[in-house]
Amino acid sequence: MKENLKNKSMMLVIQEHNGFPTFSMIRATEDCPYVECIFLPEEKHLAIISTIQKDTFHLFPKLDDNGDVVNTKVIRKLNNKSYKEERKQLKTFYEYDIINIEDIINLVDTFAINSESFPYKEFFK
């Protein structure tokens, strides 16, 4: 039993996603390899957010010295926005999706402390 608990670093909790009841797994220990895992009931897959970060580029509204959005004189045809944008580099977490129910069950059983007592399989129906 102790051997089985050494990898268990998350806890199952009930949550809501887009108006649907669902479950998610939250970190229970500092050495957990994931930030959060949430089952998306409308798509029937598990979305996983890893603790590993990557550099990505995103477009943000350009701000002037007062912190106000800088508007353009004409609406841009490509993105239909009336303000200037600038590209910024951010650190974001890697995200994964598991779509196979058996793989979801294996991952939950491997990492969730309360997987035996929590009725998470009811959300697969």
N, C-alpha and C. Protein backbone atom coordinates (compact mmCIF):
# COMPACT_ATOMS: atom_id res chain seq x y z
N MET A 1 0.82 -1.19 0.00
CA MET A 1 0.00 0.00 0.00
C MET A 1 0.87 1.26 0.00
N LYS A 2 1.95 1.28 0.78
CA LYS A 2 2.84 2.44 0.83
C LYS A 2 3.49 2.69 -0.53
N GLU A 3 3.85 1.61 -1.25
CA GLU A 3 4.44 1.75 -2.58
C GLU A 3 3.49 2.48 -3.52
N ASN A 4 2.19 2.20 -3.40
CA ASN A 4 1.19 2.78 -4.29
C ASN A 4 0.97 4.27 -4.00
N LEU A 5 1.21 4.72 -2.77
CA LEU A 5 0.95 6.10 -2.39
C LEU A 5 2.08 7.06 -2.73
N LYS A 6 3.25 6.57 -3.12
CA LYS A 6 4.38 7.47 -3.31
C LYS A 6 4.19 8.42 -4.48
N ASN A 7 3.43 8.05 -5.53
CA ASN A 7 3.18 8.92 -6.66
C ASN A 7 1.94 9.77 -6.48
N LYS A 8 1.14 9.50 -5.51
CA LYS A 8 -0.14 10.19 -5.35
C LYS A 8 0.11 11.59 -4.80
N SER A 9 -0.08 12.57 -5.66
CA SER A 9 0.23 13.94 -5.27
C SER A 9 -0.90 14.91 -5.62
N MET A 10 -2.09 14.38 -5.95
CA MET A 10 -3.23 15.23 -6.29
C MET A 10 -4.46 14.76 -5.52
N MET A 11 -5.47 15.65 -5.48
CA MET A 11 -6.71 15.31 -4.80
C MET A 11 -7.88 15.62 -5.73
N LEU A 12 -8.84 14.71 -5.80
CA LEU A 12 -10.04 14.90 -6.61
C LEU A 12 -11.03 15.79 -5.88
N VAL A 13 -11.62 16.74 -6.61
CA VAL A 13 -12.64 17.63 -6.05
C VAL A 13 -13.75 17.81 -7.09
N ILE A 14 -14.96 18.12 -6.60
CA ILE A 14 -16.08 18.40 -7.50
C ILE A 14 -15.99 19.85 -7.93
N GLN A 15 -16.32 20.08 -9.20
CA GLN A 15 -16.22 21.41 -9.77
C GLN A 15 -17.31 21.58 -10.82
N GLU A 16 -17.43 22.77 -11.37
CA GLU A 16 -18.36 23.03 -12.45
C GLU A 16 -17.59 23.63 -13.63
N HIS A 17 -17.95 23.19 -14.84
CA HIS A 17 -17.30 23.73 -16.03
C HIS A 17 -18.36 24.00 -17.08
N ASN A 18 -18.52 25.25 -17.48
CA ASN A 18 -19.54 25.68 -18.46
C ASN A 18 -20.94 25.21 -18.07
N GLY A 19 -21.25 25.27 -16.81
CA GLY A 19 -22.58 24.89 -16.34
C GLY A 19 -22.78 23.41 -16.11
N PHE A 20 -21.78 22.59 -16.35
CA PHE A 20 -21.87 21.14 -16.15
C PHE A 20 -21.08 20.75 -14.91
N PRO A 21 -21.64 19.87 -14.06
CA PRO A 21 -20.85 19.37 -12.94
C PRO A 21 -19.74 18.46 -13.45
N THR A 22 -18.59 18.54 -12.83
CA THR A 22 -17.46 17.73 -13.26
C THR A 22 -16.51 17.54 -12.08
N PHE A 23 -15.38 16.92 -12.34
CA PHE A 23 -14.36 16.77 -11.30
C PHE A 23 -13.06 17.35 -11.82
N SER A 24 -12.22 17.71 -10.88
CA SER A 24 -10.87 18.13 -11.24
C SER A 24 -9.91 17.58 -10.20
N MET A 25 -8.64 17.60 -10.54
CA MET A 25 -7.60 17.18 -9.60
C MET A 25 -6.73 18.39 -9.33
N ILE A 26 -6.53 18.66 -8.05
CA ILE A 26 -5.69 19.78 -7.65
C ILE A 26 -4.44 19.25 -6.94
N ARG A 27 -3.41 20.06 -6.91
CA ARG A 27 -2.15 19.66 -6.29
C ARG A 27 -2.33 19.46 -4.79
N ALA A 28 -1.78 18.39 -4.30
CA ALA A 28 -1.81 18.11 -2.86
C ALA A 28 -0.41 18.17 -2.25
N THR A 29 0.61 18.07 -3.11
CA THR A 29 2.00 18.14 -2.64
C THR A 29 2.79 19.06 -3.56
N GLU A 30 3.91 19.53 -3.07
CA GLU A 30 4.77 20.44 -3.85
C GLU A 30 5.43 19.75 -5.04
N ASP A 31 5.67 18.44 -4.93
CA ASP A 31 6.38 17.73 -6.01
C ASP A 31 5.45 17.20 -7.09
N CYS A 32 4.21 17.64 -7.10
CA CYS A 32 3.24 17.20 -8.11
C CYS A 32 3.65 17.73 -9.49
N PRO A 33 3.63 16.90 -10.53
CA PRO A 33 4.05 17.34 -11.86
C PRO A 33 2.99 18.15 -12.62
N TYR A 34 1.81 18.32 -12.04
CA TYR A 34 0.72 19.03 -12.72
C TYR A 34 0.19 20.16 -11.86
N VAL A 35 -0.25 21.23 -12.49
CA VAL A 35 -0.88 22.34 -11.79
C VAL A 35 -2.33 21.98 -11.50
N GLU A 36 -3.03 21.47 -12.53
CA GLU A 36 -4.43 21.09 -12.39
C GLU A 36 -4.80 20.15 -13.52
N CYS A 37 -5.77 19.29 -13.26
CA CYS A 37 -6.37 18.43 -14.28
C CYS A 37 -7.88 18.60 -14.13
N ILE A 38 -8.58 18.82 -15.24
CA ILE A 38 -10.03 18.98 -15.17
C ILE A 38 -10.68 18.16 -16.27
N PHE A 39 -11.71 17.42 -15.89
CA PHE A 39 -12.47 16.62 -16.86
C PHE A 39 -13.52 17.52 -17.49
N LEU A 40 -13.50 17.61 -18.82
CA LEU A 40 -14.46 18.43 -19.56
C LEU A 40 -15.61 17.54 -20.02
N PRO A 41 -16.76 17.62 -19.35
CA PRO A 41 -17.84 16.66 -19.61
C PRO A 41 -18.45 16.78 -21.00
N GLU A 42 -18.47 17.98 -21.57
CA GLU A 42 -19.08 18.11 -22.90
C GLU A 42 -18.20 17.50 -24.00
N GLU A 43 -16.88 17.49 -23.81
CA GLU A 43 -15.97 16.87 -24.78
C GLU A 43 -15.52 15.47 -24.37
N LYS A 44 -15.78 15.10 -23.12
CA LYS A 44 -15.38 13.80 -22.57
C LYS A 44 -13.87 13.59 -22.64
N HIS A 45 -13.10 14.61 -22.24
CA HIS A 45 -11.66 14.41 -22.15
C HIS A 45 -11.11 15.14 -20.92
N LEU A 46 -9.90 14.75 -20.54
CA LEU A 46 -9.23 15.33 -19.38
C LEU A 46 -8.19 16.33 -19.86
N ALA A 47 -8.33 17.57 -19.43
CA ALA A 47 -7.36 18.62 -19.75
C ALA A 47 -6.36 18.71 -18.61
N ILE A 48 -5.10 18.65 -18.95
CA ILE A 48 -4.02 18.62 -17.95
C ILE A 48 -3.12 19.83 -18.17
N ILE A 49 -2.81 20.53 -17.08
CA ILE A 49 -1.88 21.65 -17.13
C ILE A 49 -0.64 21.24 -16.35
N SER A 50 0.49 21.17 -17.05
CA SER A 50 1.74 20.72 -16.47
C SER A 50 2.44 21.86 -15.72
N THR A 51 3.38 21.52 -14.87
CA THR A 51 4.18 22.54 -14.18
C THR A 51 5.34 23.00 -15.06
N ILE A 52 5.59 22.34 -16.17
CA ILE A 52 6.67 22.71 -17.09
C ILE A 52 6.22 23.91 -17.92
N GLN A 53 7.07 24.92 -17.99
CA GLN A 53 6.72 26.14 -18.71
C GLN A 53 7.45 26.24 -20.03
N LYS A 54 6.86 27.01 -20.95
CA LYS A 54 7.46 27.28 -22.25
C LYS A 54 7.26 28.76 -22.57
N ASP A 55 8.10 29.29 -23.44
CA ASP A 55 7.95 30.67 -23.89
C ASP A 55 7.03 30.70 -25.10
N THR A 56 6.00 31.54 -25.04
CA THR A 56 5.09 31.70 -26.17
C THR A 56 4.87 33.18 -26.41
N PHE A 57 4.44 33.52 -27.62
CA PHE A 57 4.18 34.90 -27.97
C PHE A 57 2.68 35.12 -28.07
N HIS A 58 2.22 36.26 -27.54
CA HIS A 58 0.81 36.63 -27.56
C HIS A 58 0.69 38.09 -27.98
N LEU A 59 -0.43 38.44 -28.61
CA LEU A 59 -0.71 39.82 -28.97
C LEU A 59 -1.53 40.48 -27.87
N PHE A 60 -1.08 41.66 -27.43
CA PHE A 60 -1.77 42.43 -26.41
C PHE A 60 -2.04 43.83 -26.95
N PRO A 61 -3.09 44.48 -26.45
CA PRO A 61 -3.31 45.88 -26.86
C PRO A 61 -2.11 46.74 -26.48
N LYS A 62 -1.71 47.63 -27.41
CA LYS A 62 -0.59 48.54 -27.14
C LYS A 62 -1.11 49.66 -26.25
N LEU A 63 -0.34 50.01 -25.21
CA LEU A 63 -0.73 51.04 -24.26
C LEU A 63 0.16 52.27 -24.40
N ASP A 64 -0.43 53.43 -24.16
CA ASP A 64 0.37 54.66 -24.17
C ASP A 64 0.98 54.89 -22.79
N ASP A 65 1.59 56.05 -22.59
CA ASP A 65 2.26 56.34 -21.32
C ASP A 65 1.31 56.40 -20.14
N ASN A 66 0.03 56.65 -20.40
CA ASN A 66 -0.98 56.72 -19.34
C ASN A 66 -1.63 55.38 -19.06
N GLY A 67 -1.28 54.36 -19.82
CA GLY A 67 -1.88 53.05 -19.64
C GLY A 67 -3.17 52.86 -20.42
N ASP A 68 -3.47 53.79 -21.33
CA ASP A 68 -4.67 53.69 -22.17
C ASP A 68 -4.34 52.97 -23.47
N VAL A 69 -5.35 52.29 -24.02
CA VAL A 69 -5.17 51.57 -25.27
C VAL A 69 -4.99 52.57 -26.41
N VAL A 70 -4.00 52.30 -27.28
CA VAL A 70 -3.74 53.16 -28.43
C VAL A 70 -4.65 52.72 -29.57
N ASN A 71 -5.54 53.61 -29.99
CA ASN A 71 -6.48 53.29 -31.07
C ASN A 71 -5.84 53.54 -32.43
N THR A 72 -6.33 52.84 -33.45
CA THR A 72 -5.90 53.07 -34.82
C THR A 72 -6.90 53.99 -35.50
N LYS A 73 -6.50 54.56 -36.63
CA LYS A 73 -7.40 55.46 -37.35
C LYS A 73 -8.44 54.69 -38.13
N VAL A 74 -8.10 53.47 -38.56
CA VAL A 74 -9.04 52.62 -39.30
C VAL A 74 -9.08 51.25 -38.66
N ILE A 75 -10.18 50.54 -38.84
CA ILE A 75 -10.29 49.17 -38.31
C ILE A 75 -9.50 48.24 -39.23
N ARG A 76 -8.64 47.46 -38.65
CA ARG A 76 -7.80 46.53 -39.42
C ARG A 76 -8.65 45.40 -39.97
N LYS A 77 -8.41 45.06 -41.19
CA LYS A 77 -9.23 44.04 -41.85
C LYS A 77 -8.91 42.63 -41.37
N LEU A 78 -7.67 42.36 -41.01
CA LEU A 78 -7.28 41.00 -40.66
C LEU A 78 -7.90 40.52 -39.35
N ASN A 79 -7.87 41.36 -38.32
CA ASN A 79 -8.37 40.91 -37.03
C ASN A 79 -9.57 41.71 -36.53
N ASN A 80 -10.04 42.67 -37.31
CA ASN A 80 -11.25 43.45 -37.01
C ASN A 80 -11.14 44.19 -35.66
N LYS A 81 -9.95 44.70 -35.36
CA LYS A 81 -9.75 45.43 -34.10
C LYS A 81 -9.42 46.89 -34.40
N SER A 82 -9.89 47.76 -33.54
CA SER A 82 -9.68 49.20 -33.76
C SER A 82 -8.54 49.75 -32.90
N TYR A 83 -7.70 48.89 -32.37
CA TYR A 83 -6.58 49.34 -31.55
C TYR A 83 -5.30 48.64 -32.00
N LYS A 84 -4.19 49.29 -31.68
CA LYS A 84 -2.89 48.72 -32.03
C LYS A 84 -2.56 47.58 -31.08
N GLU A 85 -1.80 46.62 -31.58
CA GLU A 85 -1.37 45.49 -30.77
C GLU A 85 0.14 45.36 -30.82
N GLU A 86 0.68 44.75 -29.77
CA GLU A 86 2.10 44.45 -29.76
C GLU A 86 2.31 43.02 -29.28
N ARG A 87 3.34 42.42 -29.81
CA ARG A 87 3.64 41.02 -29.49
C ARG A 87 4.53 40.96 -28.27
N LYS A 88 4.12 40.16 -27.28
CA LYS A 88 4.88 40.00 -26.04
C LYS A 88 5.17 38.52 -25.81
N GLN A 89 6.32 38.26 -25.24
CA GLN A 89 6.70 36.90 -24.90
C GLN A 89 6.30 36.62 -23.45
N LEU A 90 5.59 35.49 -23.24
CA LEU A 90 5.15 35.08 -21.91
C LEU A 90 5.53 33.64 -21.65
N LYS A 91 5.68 33.33 -20.38
CA LYS A 91 5.85 31.93 -20.00
C LYS A 91 4.46 31.34 -19.76
N THR A 92 4.16 30.24 -20.42
CA THR A 92 2.89 29.54 -20.23
C THR A 92 3.18 28.08 -19.93
N PHE A 93 2.20 27.41 -19.35
CA PHE A 93 2.36 26.01 -19.00
C PHE A 93 2.00 25.12 -20.18
N TYR A 94 2.68 23.98 -20.29
CA TYR A 94 2.30 22.99 -21.28
C TYR A 94 0.94 22.43 -20.91
N GLU A 95 0.11 22.19 -21.91
CA GLU A 95 -1.22 21.61 -21.70
C GLU A 95 -1.34 20.34 -22.52
N TYR A 96 -2.03 19.37 -21.93
CA TYR A 96 -2.25 18.08 -22.59
C TYR A 96 -3.72 17.72 -22.49
N ASP A 97 -4.20 16.94 -23.45
CA ASP A 97 -5.57 16.42 -23.42
C ASP A 97 -5.51 14.91 -23.53
N ILE A 98 -6.24 14.23 -22.66
CA ILE A 98 -6.37 12.78 -22.75
C ILE A 98 -7.82 12.50 -23.11
N ILE A 99 -8.03 11.76 -24.21
CA ILE A 99 -9.38 11.52 -24.70
C ILE A 99 -9.86 10.10 -24.45
N ASN A 100 -8.95 9.19 -24.19
CA ASN A 100 -9.32 7.80 -23.95
C ASN A 100 -9.72 7.63 -22.48
N ILE A 101 -10.93 7.12 -22.25
CA ILE A 101 -11.45 6.99 -20.88
C ILE A 101 -10.56 6.09 -20.02
N GLU A 102 -10.06 4.99 -20.58
CA GLU A 102 -9.19 4.09 -19.82
C GLU A 102 -7.90 4.79 -19.39
N ASP A 103 -7.35 5.62 -20.27
CA ASP A 103 -6.15 6.37 -19.93
C ASP A 103 -6.43 7.41 -18.84
N ILE A 104 -7.62 8.02 -18.89
CA ILE A 104 -8.02 8.97 -17.85
C ILE A 104 -8.10 8.26 -16.50
N ILE A 105 -8.74 7.09 -16.48
CA ILE A 105 -8.87 6.32 -15.24
C ILE A 105 -7.49 5.95 -14.70
N ASN A 106 -6.57 5.52 -15.57
CA ASN A 106 -5.22 5.17 -15.13
C ASN A 106 -4.49 6.37 -14.53
N LEU A 107 -4.61 7.52 -15.16
CA LEU A 107 -3.95 8.71 -14.64
C LEU A 107 -4.54 9.13 -13.29
N VAL A 108 -5.86 9.12 -13.19
CA VAL A 108 -6.52 9.49 -11.93
C VAL A 108 -6.12 8.52 -10.82
N ASP A 109 -6.14 7.23 -11.11
CA ASP A 109 -5.77 6.24 -10.10
C ASP A 109 -4.30 6.35 -9.69
N THR A 110 -3.44 6.79 -10.61
CA THR A 110 -2.02 6.92 -10.32
C THR A 110 -1.73 8.14 -9.44
N PHE A 111 -2.42 9.26 -9.69
CA PHE A 111 -2.06 10.51 -9.02
C PHE A 111 -3.01 10.98 -7.92
N ALA A 112 -4.27 10.53 -7.92
CA ALA A 112 -5.24 11.06 -6.94
C ALA A 112 -5.20 10.29 -5.64
N ILE A 113 -5.05 11.00 -4.55
CA ILE A 113 -5.01 10.39 -3.22
C ILE A 113 -6.34 9.72 -2.89
N ASN A 114 -7.44 10.36 -3.28
CA ASN A 114 -8.77 9.88 -2.93
C ASN A 114 -9.50 9.22 -4.10
N SER A 115 -8.76 8.59 -5.01
CA SER A 115 -9.39 7.99 -6.20
C SER A 115 -10.29 6.79 -5.86
N GLU A 116 -9.99 6.09 -4.78
CA GLU A 116 -10.81 4.93 -4.43
C GLU A 116 -12.14 5.33 -3.80
N SER A 117 -12.19 6.46 -3.13
CA SER A 117 -13.42 6.87 -2.44
C SER A 117 -14.23 7.93 -3.20
N PHE A 118 -13.64 8.56 -4.19
CA PHE A 118 -14.32 9.62 -4.94
C PHE A 118 -15.03 9.03 -6.16
N PRO A 119 -16.30 9.33 -6.37
CA PRO A 119 -17.06 8.73 -7.49
C PRO A 119 -16.85 9.46 -8.83
N TYR A 120 -15.61 9.60 -9.28
CA TYR A 120 -15.33 10.36 -10.50
C TYR A 120 -15.80 9.66 -11.77
N LYS A 121 -15.95 8.34 -11.75
CA LYS A 121 -16.37 7.62 -12.96
C LYS A 121 -17.82 7.91 -13.34
N GLU A 122 -18.61 8.45 -12.42
CA GLU A 122 -19.98 8.84 -12.74
C GLU A 122 -20.04 9.97 -13.76
N PHE A 123 -19.00 10.78 -13.85
CA PHE A 123 -18.97 11.91 -14.77
C PHE A 123 -18.69 11.48 -16.21
N PHE A 124 -18.31 10.23 -16.43
CA PHE A 124 -18.05 9.73 -17.78
C PHE A 124 -19.34 9.43 -18.53
N LYS A 125 -20.45 9.29 -17.81
CA LYS A 125 -21.73 8.90 -18.42
C LYS A 125 -22.38 10.06 -19.15
